[in-house]
Amino acid sequence: MAVEEAKKVEVEPECQPEPPVAAAEKEEEKALVPVEPLVSEEKPTDDTKALIVVEKPEEVCDEKPKEGSINRDDVLAKVATEKKDALIKAWEESEKSKAENKAQQKLSSIEAWEISKKAELEAELKKIEEDLEKKKAKYIEKMKNKMAILHKRAQEKRAITEAKCGEELLKAEELAAKCRATGDTPKKLLGWF
């Protein structure tokens, strides 16, 4: 596209060429022309020479128009330069867009990496929490079992104690009934005497 635009460029001369001038007029334009005064006997005049100023037409531009292949070569050189500039500009824009695309792609991959790593860590955390919940449930179960065993032992001890107490009460009642029947006093009645 830049090549087509470069080909379509028409070069218009920046200055307009001067109209051709006759050889006689060129000589008049060169400089100031000195003119010798007419000497007349009546009036003495200065010995200096009088000068006549010849006005040059204003130049339309600083550069003189070039003719033929020289002008064409300059135009072609200018077109070639513009073409190179357009190609360089297109290349620069292409490289910039490539760099931006590459950076955008890198940023996207970094973001995807971050998301995947976060997901992995969250999964690991969830697994650890589940493991801790299982361990907690296991320890709670162990503690409940220990408490049940403790309660069972306590009940056994209570039962043994109650049985001993019942036995002792029976012995005491039997001994008291025997003593009443025989009229004897128990031997361990007053143990502190």
Protein backbone atom coordinates (compact mmCIF):
# COMPACT_ATOMS: atom_id res chain seq x y z
CA MET A 1 0.00 0.00 0.00
CA ALA A 2 2.83 2.36 0.85
CA VAL A 3 4.45 1.48 -2.48
CA GLU A 4 1.27 2.41 -4.37
CA GLU A 5 1.08 5.72 -2.55
CA ALA A 6 4.69 6.44 -3.39
CA LYS A 7 4.03 5.76 -7.08
CA LYS A 8 1.00 8.05 -7.15
CA VAL A 9 2.93 11.03 -5.87
CA GLU A 10 3.17 13.72 -8.47
CA VAL A 11 5.96 16.16 -8.08
CA GLU A 12 5.07 19.71 -8.83
CA PRO A 13 7.93 22.13 -9.08
CA GLU A 14 8.08 24.39 -6.10
CA CYS A 15 9.06 27.35 -8.19
CA GLN A 16 7.77 28.33 -11.54
CA PRO A 17 10.22 28.58 -14.37
CA GLU A 18 11.17 32.03 -15.63
CA PRO A 19 9.96 32.95 -19.08
CA PRO A 20 12.65 32.86 -21.73
CA VAL A 21 14.42 36.17 -22.10
CA ALA A 22 16.06 37.52 -25.18
CA ALA A 23 19.82 37.74 -25.27
CA ALA A 24 19.74 41.53 -25.32
CA GLU A 25 17.59 41.68 -22.23
CA LYS A 26 19.91 39.31 -20.34
CA GLU A 27 22.78 41.69 -20.80
CA GLU A 28 20.73 44.55 -19.36
CA GLU A 29 19.81 42.51 -16.33
CA LYS A 30 23.34 41.67 -15.34
CA ALA A 31 24.16 44.79 -13.43
CA LEU A 32 24.10 48.46 -13.27
CA VAL A 33 25.15 49.98 -16.50
CA PRO A 34 27.34 53.10 -16.37
CA VAL A 35 26.37 55.84 -18.74
CA GLU A 36 28.61 58.75 -19.63
CA PRO A 37 26.96 62.10 -19.43
CA LEU A 38 26.62 64.26 -22.47
CA VAL A 39 28.92 67.16 -22.26
CA SER A 40 27.39 70.36 -23.17
CA GLU A 41 29.05 73.67 -23.22
CA GLU A 42 26.25 75.41 -21.58
CA LYS A 43 26.13 73.63 -18.23
CA PRO A 44 29.09 72.20 -16.49
CA THR A 45 28.22 68.91 -14.88
CA ASP A 46 29.88 66.60 -12.45
CA ASP A 47 32.78 64.59 -13.56
CA THR A 48 31.18 61.52 -12.00
CA LYS A 49 29.49 59.06 -14.15
CA ALA A 50 25.76 58.74 -13.91
CA LEU A 51 24.36 55.34 -13.26
CA ILE A 52 21.15 53.94 -14.57
CA VAL A 53 19.50 51.28 -12.51
CA VAL A 54 18.01 48.45 -14.42
CA GLU A 55 15.42 46.53 -12.44
CA LYS A 56 15.52 42.77 -12.53
CA PRO A 57 12.24 40.96 -12.44
CA GLU A 58 11.69 39.20 -9.10
CA GLU A 59 12.76 35.62 -9.08
CA VAL A 60 9.88 33.32 -8.38
CA CYS A 61 12.00 30.78 -6.50
CA ASP A 62 15.53 30.25 -5.33
CA GLU A 63 16.12 27.15 -7.39
CA LYS A 64 16.48 27.41 -11.08
CA PRO A 65 14.45 24.94 -13.05
CA LYS A 66 16.38 22.03 -14.36
CA GLU A 67 15.85 20.65 -17.73
CA GLY A 68 15.45 17.18 -19.15
CA SER A 69 16.76 14.05 -17.46
CA ILE A 70 18.42 15.95 -14.59
CA ASN A 71 15.03 17.13 -13.31
CA ARG A 72 13.54 13.68 -13.86
CA ASP A 73 16.40 12.07 -11.94
CA ASP A 74 15.80 14.38 -8.98
CA VAL A 75 12.09 13.58 -9.01
CA LEU A 76 12.81 9.87 -9.22
CA ALA A 77 15.33 10.18 -6.38
CA LYS A 78 12.73 12.01 -4.30
CA VAL A 79 10.12 9.33 -5.05
CA ALA A 80 12.63 6.61 -4.15
CA THR A 81 13.42 8.40 -0.88
CA GLU A 82 9.71 8.72 -0.06
CA LYS A 83 9.26 5.04 -0.91
CA LYS A 84 12.12 4.09 1.42
CA ASP A 85 10.67 6.29 4.17
CA ALA A 86 7.26 4.68 3.73
CA LEU A 87 8.79 1.19 3.84
CA ILE A 88 10.81 2.09 6.94
CA LYS A 89 7.71 3.50 8.63
CA ALA A 90 5.70 0.38 7.74
CA TRP A 91 8.51 -1.85 9.03
CA GLU A 92 8.71 0.17 12.25
CA GLU A 93 4.96 -0.11 12.83
CA SER A 94 5.11 -3.83 12.05
CA GLU A 95 7.95 -4.36 14.54
CA LYS A 96 6.13 -2.32 17.19
CA SER A 97 2.94 -4.34 16.71
CA LYS A 98 4.95 -7.58 16.85
CA ALA A 99 6.57 -6.47 20.10
CA GLU A 100 3.20 -5.47 21.58
CA ASN A 101 1.62 -8.77 20.50
CA LYS A 102 4.53 -10.72 21.95
CA ALA A 103 4.29 -8.83 25.24
CA GLN A 104 0.52 -9.34 25.33
CA GLN A 105 1.00 -13.06 24.69
CA LYS A 106 3.59 -13.26 27.49
CA LEU A 107 1.27 -11.42 29.87
CA SER A 108 -1.56 -13.81 28.99
CA SER A 109 0.64 -16.84 29.58
CA ILE A 110 1.83 -15.40 32.91
CA GLU A 111 -1.76 -14.77 33.96
CA ALA A 112 -2.75 -18.33 32.96
CA TRP A 113 0.25 -19.69 34.88
CA GLU A 114 -0.72 -17.67 37.95
CA ILE A 115 -4.33 -18.91 37.78
CA SER A 116 -3.25 -22.55 37.41
CA LYS A 117 -0.79 -22.27 40.34
CA LYS A 118 -3.46 -20.65 42.50
CA ALA A 119 -5.86 -23.48 41.61
CA GLU A 120 -3.19 -26.07 42.53
CA LEU A 121 -2.53 -24.37 45.87
CA GLU A 122 -6.23 -24.11 46.63
CA ALA A 123 -6.68 -27.82 45.81
CA GLU A 124 -3.73 -28.67 48.06
CA LEU A 125 -5.17 -26.51 50.85
CA LYS A 126 -8.55 -28.21 50.47
CA LYS A 127 -6.85 -31.62 50.60
CA ILE A 128 -4.96 -30.60 53.75
CA GLU A 129 -8.20 -29.33 55.30
CA GLU A 130 -9.91 -32.63 54.45
CA ASP A 131 -6.98 -34.56 55.91
CA LEU A 132 -7.13 -32.42 59.05
CA GLU A 133 -10.89 -32.98 59.28
CA LYS A 134 -10.32 -36.74 58.97
CA LYS A 135 -7.59 -36.62 61.62
CA LYS A 136 -9.83 -34.50 63.83
CA ALA A 137 -12.69 -36.99 63.41
CA LYS A 138 -10.28 -39.86 64.14
CA TYR A 139 -8.98 -38.17 67.30
CA ILE A 140 -12.52 -37.30 68.37
CA GLU A 141 -13.47 -40.96 67.88
CA LYS A 142 -10.41 -42.06 69.88
CA MET A 143 -11.28 -39.65 72.68
CA LYS A 144 -14.91 -40.81 72.71
CA ASN A 145 -13.72 -44.43 72.85
CA LYS A 146 -11.36 -43.58 75.73
CA MET A 147 -14.21 -41.79 77.51
CA ALA A 148 -16.47 -44.82 76.97
CA ILE A 149 -13.77 -47.15 78.32
CA LEU A 150 -13.24 -44.83 81.29
CA HIS A 151 -16.98 -44.71 81.95
CA LYS A 152 -17.12 -48.53 81.71
CA ARG A 153 -14.24 -48.89 84.19
CA ALA A 154 -15.88 -46.39 86.50
CA GLN A 155 -19.14 -48.35 86.35
CA GLU A 156 -17.27 -51.60 87.05
CA LYS A 157 -15.52 -50.01 90.04
CA ARG A 158 -18.83 -48.62 91.25
CA ALA A 159 -20.44 -52.03 90.86
CA ILE A 160 -17.55 -53.70 92.70
CA THR A 161 -17.73 -51.09 95.44
CA GLU A 162 -21.50 -51.41 95.72
CA ALA A 163 -21.17 -55.23 95.77
CA LYS A 164 -18.56 -55.04 98.53
CA CYS A 165 -20.78 -52.66 100.43
CA GLY A 166 -23.74 -55.01 99.99
CA GLU A 167 -21.63 -57.96 101.15
CA GLU A 168 -20.42 -56.04 104.18
CA LEU A 169 -24.00 -55.04 105.00
CA LEU A 170 -25.10 -58.67 104.72
CA LYS A 171 -22.20 -59.78 106.93
CA ALA A 172 -23.10 -57.13 109.45
CA GLU A 173 -26.77 -58.15 109.44
CA GLU A 174 -25.84 -61.83 109.74
CA LEU A 175 -23.43 -61.11 112.53
CA ALA A 176 -26.02 -58.95 114.28
CA ALA A 177 -28.65 -61.67 113.93
CA LYS A 178 -26.20 -64.31 115.26
CA CYS A 179 -25.26 -62.11 118.15
CA ARG A 180 -28.91 -61.55 118.99
CA ALA A 181 -29.59 -65.21 118.84
CA THR A 182 -26.67 -66.18 121.04
CA GLY A 183 -26.67 -63.08 123.12
CA ASP A 184 -22.96 -62.49 122.59
CA THR A 185 -21.52 -59.11 121.72
CA PRO A 186 -19.59 -58.66 118.56
CA LYS A 187 -15.82 -58.81 119.00
CA LYS A 188 -15.04 -55.82 116.86
CA LEU A 189 -17.71 -53.61 118.36
CA LEU A 190 -15.59 -51.07 119.96
CA GLY A 191 -12.29 -51.38 118.23
CA TRP A 192 -10.88 -48.20 119.62
CA PHE A 193 -10.98 -49.34 123.24
